[in-house]
């Protein structure tokens, strides 16, 4: 199955069943299994799949957004994120491949901090990013993640 068919199948099933509300995701290594151990390719391939997914979302007339989420390494306390280049990015991400999500935009607007391109200079201008972090009381750590999206696209 080609990449766009895998993404389209996931989007169609996720939208029709309402599984997006349970954060049903599609890991990029499920789209392309060659990526499972190639962490250095995750960012650029992930952005490529995000753009492809956004185009498909528009064609399929799905009214919610596509996001690409990267888990970051846990922290003992909350902290800001500043990723200037791909090397900084590689040091921050955790060991799991990123995932695509279909979500209501407000789900991230309410919980996340919209980052500027100064904080994420490796990101193209048409890509936006929310930074989320929350303290996990039982484990006494802060979980962190980056959620990328297409800022503006003609629909």
N, C-alpha and C. Protein backbone atom coordinates (compact mmCIF):
# COMPACT_ATOMS: atom_id res chain seq x y z
N UNK A 1 0.85 -1.18 0.00
CA UNK A 1 0.00 0.00 0.00
C UNK A 1 0.89 1.24 0.00
N UNK A 2 0.61 2.19 -0.87
CA UNK A 2 1.44 3.40 -0.92
C UNK A 2 1.13 4.33 0.25
N UNK A 3 2.04 5.24 0.51
CA UNK A 3 1.96 6.12 1.68
C UNK A 3 0.62 6.83 1.78
N UNK A 4 0.20 7.47 0.70
CA UNK A 4 -1.03 8.25 0.76
C UNK A 4 -2.24 7.36 1.04
N UNK A 5 -2.23 6.12 0.56
CA UNK A 5 -3.34 5.21 0.83
C UNK A 5 -3.39 4.83 2.31
N UNK A 6 -2.22 4.61 2.92
CA UNK A 6 -2.18 4.27 4.35
C UNK A 6 -2.72 5.43 5.18
N UNK A 7 -2.29 6.63 4.84
CA UNK A 7 -2.74 7.81 5.58
C UNK A 7 -4.23 8.03 5.36
N UNK A 8 -4.68 7.93 4.13
CA UNK A 8 -6.09 8.14 3.82
C UNK A 8 -6.98 7.13 4.53
N UNK A 9 -6.57 5.88 4.56
CA UNK A 9 -7.33 4.81 5.23
C UNK A 9 -7.45 5.13 6.73
N UNK A 10 -6.33 5.51 7.36
CA UNK A 10 -6.35 5.86 8.78
C UNK A 10 -7.26 7.06 9.03
N UNK A 11 -7.13 8.10 8.21
CA UNK A 11 -7.94 9.31 8.39
C UNK A 11 -9.42 8.99 8.25
N UNK A 12 -9.77 8.23 7.24
CA UNK A 12 -11.16 7.88 6.99
C UNK A 12 -11.75 7.10 8.17
N UNK A 13 -11.03 6.08 8.63
CA UNK A 13 -11.52 5.28 9.75
C UNK A 13 -11.59 6.10 11.05
N UNK A 14 -10.58 6.90 11.28
CA UNK A 14 -10.53 7.72 12.50
C UNK A 14 -11.67 8.73 12.53
N UNK A 15 -11.93 9.35 11.39
CA UNK A 15 -13.00 10.34 11.32
C UNK A 15 -14.37 9.69 11.42
N UNK A 16 -14.61 8.66 10.64
CA UNK A 16 -15.94 8.02 10.61
C UNK A 16 -16.31 7.38 11.94
N UNK A 17 -15.35 6.80 12.64
CA UNK A 17 -15.65 6.13 13.91
C UNK A 17 -15.59 7.07 15.11
N UNK A 18 -15.09 8.28 14.91
CA UNK A 18 -14.94 9.22 16.02
C UNK A 18 -13.74 8.91 16.90
N UNK A 19 -12.86 8.03 16.43
CA UNK A 19 -11.70 7.62 17.23
C UNK A 19 -10.73 8.78 17.49
N UNK A 20 -10.84 9.85 16.72
CA UNK A 20 -9.97 11.01 16.94
C UNK A 20 -10.18 11.58 18.34
N UNK A 21 -11.38 11.46 18.88
CA UNK A 21 -11.65 12.01 20.21
C UNK A 21 -10.91 11.22 21.30
N UNK A 22 -10.47 10.00 20.97
CA UNK A 22 -9.66 9.19 21.89
C UNK A 22 -8.18 9.26 21.53
N UNK A 23 -7.80 10.26 20.74
CA UNK A 23 -6.42 10.47 20.31
C UNK A 23 -5.86 9.27 19.54
N UNK A 24 -6.70 8.68 18.67
CA UNK A 24 -6.21 7.61 17.80
C UNK A 24 -5.13 8.21 16.90
N UNK A 25 -4.00 7.54 16.79
CA UNK A 25 -2.88 8.11 16.05
C UNK A 25 -2.34 7.13 15.01
N UNK A 26 -1.47 7.64 14.17
CA UNK A 26 -0.77 6.84 13.16
C UNK A 26 0.71 7.19 13.24
N UNK A 27 1.50 6.26 13.78
CA UNK A 27 2.94 6.47 13.88
C UNK A 27 3.55 6.50 12.49
N UNK A 28 4.56 7.34 12.29
CA UNK A 28 5.15 7.45 10.95
C UNK A 28 5.85 6.17 10.53
N UNK A 29 6.28 5.34 11.48
CA UNK A 29 6.89 4.08 11.09
C UNK A 29 5.84 3.04 10.66
N UNK A 30 4.56 3.31 10.93
CA UNK A 30 3.48 2.47 10.39
C UNK A 30 3.18 2.88 8.95
N UNK A 31 3.51 4.11 8.59
CA UNK A 31 3.36 4.58 7.21
C UNK A 31 4.53 4.04 6.38
N UNK A 32 5.72 4.14 6.96
CA UNK A 32 6.94 3.70 6.29
C UNK A 32 7.80 2.97 7.33
N UNK A 33 7.78 1.64 7.31
CA UNK A 33 8.47 0.88 8.37
C UNK A 33 9.99 1.05 8.35
N UNK A 34 10.54 1.61 7.29
CA UNK A 34 11.99 1.86 7.25
C UNK A 34 12.39 2.96 8.24
N UNK A 35 11.41 3.71 8.74
CA UNK A 35 11.71 4.83 9.64
C UNK A 35 11.79 4.43 11.11
N UNK A 36 11.46 3.20 11.46
CA UNK A 36 11.35 2.85 12.87
C UNK A 36 12.63 3.10 13.66
N UNK A 37 13.76 2.85 13.09
CA UNK A 37 15.04 3.04 13.80
C UNK A 37 15.85 4.23 13.28
N UNK A 38 15.31 4.98 12.34
CA UNK A 38 16.05 6.09 11.73
C UNK A 38 15.59 7.42 12.31
N UNK A 39 15.90 7.62 13.57
CA UNK A 39 15.47 8.80 14.30
C UNK A 39 15.88 10.10 13.60
N UNK A 40 17.02 10.09 12.94
CA UNK A 40 17.51 11.31 12.27
C UNK A 40 16.60 11.74 11.12
N UNK A 41 15.74 10.86 10.64
CA UNK A 41 14.83 11.19 9.52
C UNK A 41 13.43 11.54 9.99
N UNK A 42 13.15 11.34 11.26
CA UNK A 42 11.80 11.52 11.77
C UNK A 42 11.25 12.92 11.53
N UNK A 43 12.04 13.96 11.79
CA UNK A 43 11.51 15.31 11.66
C UNK A 43 11.10 15.62 10.23
N UNK A 44 12.01 15.46 9.28
CA UNK A 44 11.73 15.86 7.91
C UNK A 44 10.69 14.95 7.25
N UNK A 45 10.74 13.66 7.51
CA UNK A 45 9.71 12.75 6.98
C UNK A 45 8.37 13.04 7.65
N UNK A 46 8.39 13.32 8.93
CA UNK A 46 7.16 13.66 9.64
C UNK A 46 6.48 14.89 9.06
N UNK A 47 7.27 15.93 8.79
CA UNK A 47 6.72 17.15 8.18
C UNK A 47 6.18 16.84 6.78
N UNK A 48 6.88 16.02 6.03
CA UNK A 48 6.41 15.61 4.70
C UNK A 48 5.05 14.90 4.82
N UNK A 49 4.91 13.99 5.78
CA UNK A 49 3.65 13.26 5.96
C UNK A 49 2.56 14.17 6.50
N UNK A 50 2.93 15.16 7.30
CA UNK A 50 1.95 16.14 7.78
C UNK A 50 1.36 16.92 6.61
N UNK A 51 2.22 17.38 5.72
CA UNK A 51 1.74 18.14 4.55
C UNK A 51 0.85 17.26 3.66
N UNK A 52 1.26 16.03 3.42
CA UNK A 52 0.46 15.10 2.64
C UNK A 52 -0.90 14.86 3.31
N UNK A 53 -0.89 14.68 4.61
CA UNK A 53 -2.13 14.44 5.37
C UNK A 53 -3.06 15.64 5.32
N UNK A 54 -2.50 16.82 5.41
CA UNK A 54 -3.33 18.04 5.35
C UNK A 54 -3.98 18.16 3.98
N UNK A 55 -3.25 17.87 2.91
CA UNK A 55 -3.85 17.88 1.56
C UNK A 55 -4.98 16.86 1.46
N UNK A 56 -4.75 15.67 1.98
CA UNK A 56 -5.78 14.63 1.96
C UNK A 56 -6.99 15.03 2.80
N UNK A 57 -6.75 15.63 3.95
CA UNK A 57 -7.84 16.08 4.83
C UNK A 57 -8.77 17.05 4.12
N UNK A 58 -8.17 17.96 3.37
CA UNK A 58 -8.97 18.95 2.63
C UNK A 58 -9.77 18.26 1.53
N UNK A 59 -9.13 17.39 0.78
CA UNK A 59 -9.84 16.65 -0.28
C UNK A 59 -10.96 15.79 0.27
N UNK A 60 -10.75 15.24 1.46
CA UNK A 60 -11.76 14.37 2.09
C UNK A 60 -12.82 15.17 2.85
N UNK A 61 -12.63 16.50 2.92
CA UNK A 61 -13.55 17.40 3.60
C UNK A 61 -13.74 17.05 5.09
N UNK A 62 -12.64 16.70 5.73
CA UNK A 62 -12.66 16.45 7.17
C UNK A 62 -12.44 17.79 7.87
N UNK A 63 -13.37 18.21 8.73
CA UNK A 63 -13.33 19.58 9.28
C UNK A 63 -12.41 19.80 10.47
N UNK A 64 -11.61 18.83 10.87
CA UNK A 64 -10.67 19.04 11.97
C UNK A 64 -9.24 18.99 11.43
N UNK A 65 -8.29 19.41 12.25
CA UNK A 65 -6.90 19.55 11.79
C UNK A 65 -6.09 18.27 11.94
N UNK A 66 -5.02 18.21 11.16
CA UNK A 66 -4.03 17.14 11.29
C UNK A 66 -2.84 17.72 12.05
N UNK A 67 -2.34 16.95 13.01
CA UNK A 67 -1.18 17.34 13.79
C UNK A 67 -0.14 16.23 13.71
N UNK A 68 1.11 16.63 13.83
CA UNK A 68 2.24 15.70 13.93
C UNK A 68 2.83 15.92 15.32
N UNK A 69 2.79 14.88 16.16
CA UNK A 69 3.24 15.02 17.55
C UNK A 69 4.52 14.25 17.80
N UNK A 70 5.46 14.93 18.44
CA UNK A 70 6.72 14.34 18.89
C UNK A 70 6.73 14.35 20.41
N UNK A 71 6.97 13.20 21.01
CA UNK A 71 7.20 13.17 22.44
C UNK A 71 8.61 13.65 22.72
N UNK A 72 8.76 14.43 23.76
CA UNK A 72 10.08 14.90 24.19
C UNK A 72 10.48 14.13 25.44
N UNK A 73 11.76 14.16 25.73
CA UNK A 73 12.25 13.48 26.93
C UNK A 73 11.58 14.10 28.16
N UNK A 74 11.24 13.22 29.10
CA UNK A 74 10.62 13.69 30.34
C UNK A 74 11.60 14.56 31.11
N UNK A 75 11.04 15.38 31.99
CA UNK A 75 11.84 16.29 32.78
C UNK A 75 11.37 16.22 34.24
N UNK A 76 12.24 16.53 35.16
CA UNK A 76 11.87 16.57 36.57
C UNK A 76 10.98 17.78 36.88
N UNK A 77 11.11 18.83 36.08
CA UNK A 77 10.31 20.04 36.29
C UNK A 77 9.89 20.62 34.95
N UNK A 78 8.94 21.52 34.99
CA UNK A 78 8.50 22.18 33.76
C UNK A 78 9.61 23.09 33.26
N UNK A 79 9.73 23.16 31.93
CA UNK A 79 10.75 24.03 31.37
C UNK A 79 10.34 24.48 29.98
N UNK A 80 10.93 25.57 29.55
CA UNK A 80 10.69 26.08 28.21
C UNK A 80 11.44 25.24 27.20
N UNK A 81 11.04 25.35 25.96
CA UNK A 81 11.73 24.62 24.91
C UNK A 81 12.29 25.64 23.91
N UNK A 82 13.51 25.42 23.48
CA UNK A 82 14.13 26.24 22.46
C UNK A 82 14.96 25.31 21.59
N UNK A 83 14.50 25.13 20.37
CA UNK A 83 15.17 24.21 19.45
C UNK A 83 15.63 25.02 18.24
N UNK A 84 16.90 25.27 18.18
CA UNK A 84 17.46 26.12 17.15
C UNK A 84 17.78 25.34 15.88
N UNK A 85 18.22 24.11 16.01
CA UNK A 85 18.62 23.34 14.84
C UNK A 85 18.26 21.87 15.02
N UNK A 86 18.50 21.07 14.02
CA UNK A 86 18.12 19.67 14.05
C UNK A 86 18.88 18.89 15.14
N UNK A 87 20.10 19.30 15.45
CA UNK A 87 20.86 18.63 16.51
C UNK A 87 20.19 18.84 17.87
N UNK A 88 19.73 20.08 18.14
CA UNK A 88 19.00 20.36 19.38
C UNK A 88 17.73 19.52 19.44
N UNK A 89 17.05 19.42 18.31
CA UNK A 89 15.81 18.66 18.23
C UNK A 89 16.06 17.18 18.56
N UNK A 90 17.10 16.63 17.98
CA UNK A 90 17.42 15.21 18.19
C UNK A 90 17.74 14.93 19.67
N UNK A 91 18.33 15.89 20.36
CA UNK A 91 18.65 15.71 21.78
C UNK A 91 17.39 15.72 22.66
N UNK A 92 16.34 16.39 22.18
CA UNK A 92 15.12 16.55 22.99
C UNK A 92 14.09 15.44 22.81
N UNK A 93 14.03 14.82 21.62
CA UNK A 93 12.94 13.86 21.38
C UNK A 93 13.17 12.54 22.10
N UNK A 94 12.05 11.89 22.42
CA UNK A 94 12.17 10.59 23.07
C UNK A 94 12.37 9.50 22.03
N UNK A 95 12.33 8.24 22.47
CA UNK A 95 12.70 7.13 21.58
C UNK A 95 11.55 6.63 20.70
N UNK A 96 10.34 7.16 20.87
CA UNK A 96 9.20 6.69 20.07
C UNK A 96 9.03 7.55 18.82
N UNK A 97 8.76 6.92 17.67
CA UNK A 97 8.51 7.71 16.45
C UNK A 97 7.31 8.63 16.63
N UNK A 98 7.31 9.77 15.94
CA UNK A 98 6.18 10.69 16.04
C UNK A 98 4.92 10.10 15.40
N UNK A 99 3.79 10.73 15.70
CA UNK A 99 2.50 10.26 15.19
C UNK A 99 1.70 11.39 14.59
N UNK A 100 0.84 11.00 13.64
CA UNK A 100 -0.17 11.91 13.11
C UNK A 100 -1.44 11.75 13.93
N UNK A 101 -2.12 12.87 14.15
CA UNK A 101 -3.39 12.88 14.87
C UNK A 101 -4.39 13.75 14.11
N UNK A 102 -5.65 13.41 14.18
CA UNK A 102 -6.74 14.29 13.78
C UNK A 102 -7.34 14.83 15.07
N UNK A 103 -7.37 16.15 15.21
CA UNK A 103 -7.88 16.75 16.45
C UNK A 103 -8.61 18.05 16.17
N UNK A 104 -9.51 18.37 17.10
CA UNK A 104 -10.10 19.70 17.12
C UNK A 104 -8.97 20.67 17.48
N UNK A 105 -8.87 21.76 16.77
CA UNK A 105 -7.80 22.72 17.01
C UNK A 105 -7.83 23.22 18.46
N UNK A 106 -9.02 23.38 18.99
CA UNK A 106 -9.16 23.92 20.34
C UNK A 106 -8.57 23.00 21.40
N UNK A 107 -8.46 21.70 21.12
CA UNK A 107 -7.87 20.78 22.09
C UNK A 107 -6.43 21.18 22.44
N UNK A 108 -5.70 21.69 21.46
CA UNK A 108 -4.32 22.11 21.73
C UNK A 108 -4.24 23.57 22.13
N UNK A 109 -5.12 24.40 21.57
CA UNK A 109 -5.10 25.82 21.93
C UNK A 109 -5.31 26.02 23.42
N UNK A 110 -6.16 25.19 24.02
CA UNK A 110 -6.48 25.34 25.43
C UNK A 110 -5.37 24.86 26.34
N UNK A 111 -4.61 23.87 25.91
CA UNK A 111 -3.61 23.26 26.78
C UNK A 111 -2.17 23.60 26.43
N UNK A 112 -1.93 24.06 25.22
CA UNK A 112 -0.56 24.25 24.77
C UNK A 112 -0.13 25.70 24.70
N UNK A 113 1.16 25.87 24.46
CA UNK A 113 1.76 27.19 24.24
C UNK A 113 2.18 27.23 22.78
N UNK A 114 1.67 28.20 22.04
CA UNK A 114 2.06 28.36 20.64
C UNK A 114 3.47 28.91 20.58
N UNK A 115 4.37 28.18 19.95
CA UNK A 115 5.76 28.60 19.86
C UNK A 115 5.97 29.50 18.65
N UNK A 116 6.97 30.35 18.74
CA UNK A 116 7.32 31.22 17.62
C UNK A 116 8.43 30.55 16.81
N UNK A 117 8.67 31.06 15.64
CA UNK A 117 9.76 30.52 14.82
C UNK A 117 11.12 30.84 15.42
N UNK A 118 11.20 31.79 16.35
CA UNK A 118 12.45 32.04 17.06
C UNK A 118 12.80 30.88 17.97
N UNK A 119 11.76 30.26 18.56
CA UNK A 119 11.98 29.13 19.46
C UNK A 119 12.20 27.83 18.70
N UNK A 120 11.73 27.78 17.47
CA UNK A 120 11.85 26.59 16.62
C UNK A 120 12.31 27.02 15.24
N UNK A 121 13.51 27.46 15.13
CA UNK A 121 13.97 28.05 13.87
C UNK A 121 14.12 27.04 12.74
N UNK A 122 14.14 25.74 13.04
CA UNK A 122 14.26 24.76 11.96
C UNK A 122 12.93 24.50 11.26
N UNK A 123 11.85 25.06 11.77
CA UNK A 123 10.52 24.82 11.23
C UNK A 123 10.22 25.81 10.10
N UNK A 124 9.73 25.32 8.95
CA UNK A 124 9.35 26.23 7.87
C UNK A 124 8.23 27.17 8.33
N UNK A 125 8.14 28.35 7.71
CA UNK A 125 7.16 29.36 8.13
C UNK A 125 5.71 28.89 8.07
N UNK A 126 5.38 27.98 7.16
CA UNK A 126 3.98 27.55 7.03
C UNK A 126 3.57 26.54 8.10
N UNK A 127 4.51 26.16 8.94
CA UNK A 127 4.25 25.18 9.99
C UNK A 127 4.20 25.88 11.34
N UNK A 128 3.15 25.61 12.11
CA UNK A 128 3.04 26.11 13.47
C UNK A 128 3.31 24.98 14.44
N UNK A 129 3.48 25.31 15.71
CA UNK A 129 3.79 24.28 16.70
C UNK A 129 3.29 24.69 18.08
N UNK A 130 2.62 23.75 18.73
CA UNK A 130 2.25 23.91 20.13
C UNK A 130 3.17 23.05 20.99
N UNK A 131 3.52 23.61 22.13
CA UNK A 131 4.33 22.89 23.13
C UNK A 131 3.42 22.59 24.30
N UNK A 132 3.31 21.31 24.64
CA UNK A 132 2.50 20.89 25.77
C UNK A 132 3.38 20.23 26.82
N UNK A 133 3.06 20.50 28.07
CA UNK A 133 3.73 19.82 29.17
C UNK A 133 2.76 19.70 30.33
N UNK A 134 2.84 18.58 31.03
CA UNK A 134 2.02 18.40 32.22
C UNK A 134 2.78 17.55 33.22
N UNK A 135 2.50 17.83 34.47
CA UNK A 135 3.17 17.10 35.55
C UNK A 135 2.40 15.83 35.85
N UNK A 136 3.08 14.70 35.81
CA UNK A 136 2.49 13.40 36.13
C UNK A 136 2.75 13.14 37.62
N UNK A 137 1.70 13.28 38.43
CA UNK A 137 1.85 13.23 39.89
C UNK A 137 2.41 11.91 40.40
N UNK A 138 1.89 10.79 39.88
CA UNK A 138 2.34 9.49 40.38
C UNK A 138 3.81 9.23 40.09
N UNK A 139 4.23 9.59 38.89
CA UNK A 139 5.62 9.34 38.49
C UNK A 139 6.56 10.50 38.85
N UNK A 140 5.99 11.62 39.26
CA UNK A 140 6.75 12.81 39.64
C UNK A 140 7.68 13.30 38.53
N UNK A 141 7.14 13.33 37.31
CA UNK A 141 7.89 13.85 36.16
C UNK A 141 6.97 14.72 35.31
N UNK A 142 7.59 15.53 34.47
CA UNK A 142 6.84 16.36 33.54
C UNK A 142 6.92 15.73 32.15
N UNK A 143 5.77 15.41 31.58
CA UNK A 143 5.69 14.89 30.21
C UNK A 143 5.63 16.09 29.27
N UNK A 144 6.37 16.00 28.17
CA UNK A 144 6.45 17.12 27.24
C UNK A 144 6.27 16.63 25.81
N UNK A 145 5.68 17.48 24.96
CA UNK A 145 5.51 17.11 23.55
C UNK A 145 5.39 18.35 22.68
N UNK A 146 5.70 18.17 21.40
CA UNK A 146 5.56 19.20 20.38
C UNK A 146 4.51 18.73 19.38
N UNK A 147 3.58 19.62 19.03
CA UNK A 147 2.48 19.30 18.12
C UNK A 147 2.53 20.27 16.93
N UNK A 148 2.96 19.77 15.79
CA UNK A 148 3.10 20.58 14.58
C UNK A 148 1.81 20.54 13.75
N UNK A 149 1.54 21.64 13.06
CA UNK A 149 0.36 21.74 12.20
C UNK A 149 0.65 22.71 11.06
N UNK A 150 -0.16 22.62 10.01
CA UNK A 150 -0.05 23.56 8.89
C UNK A 150 -0.81 24.82 9.28
N UNK A 151 -0.12 25.97 9.28
CA UNK A 151 -0.74 27.22 9.74
C UNK A 151 -1.91 27.65 8.88
N UNK A 152 -1.68 27.71 7.59
CA UNK A 152 -2.72 28.24 6.73
C UNK A 152 -2.62 27.55 5.39
N UNK A 153 -3.73 27.07 4.95
CA UNK A 153 -3.75 26.40 3.66
C UNK A 153 -5.08 26.74 3.00
N UNK A 154 -5.06 26.95 1.71
CA UNK A 154 -6.30 27.29 1.01
C UNK A 154 -7.22 26.08 0.94
N UNK A 155 -8.41 26.23 1.48
CA UNK A 155 -9.38 25.13 1.48
C UNK A 155 -10.53 25.44 0.55
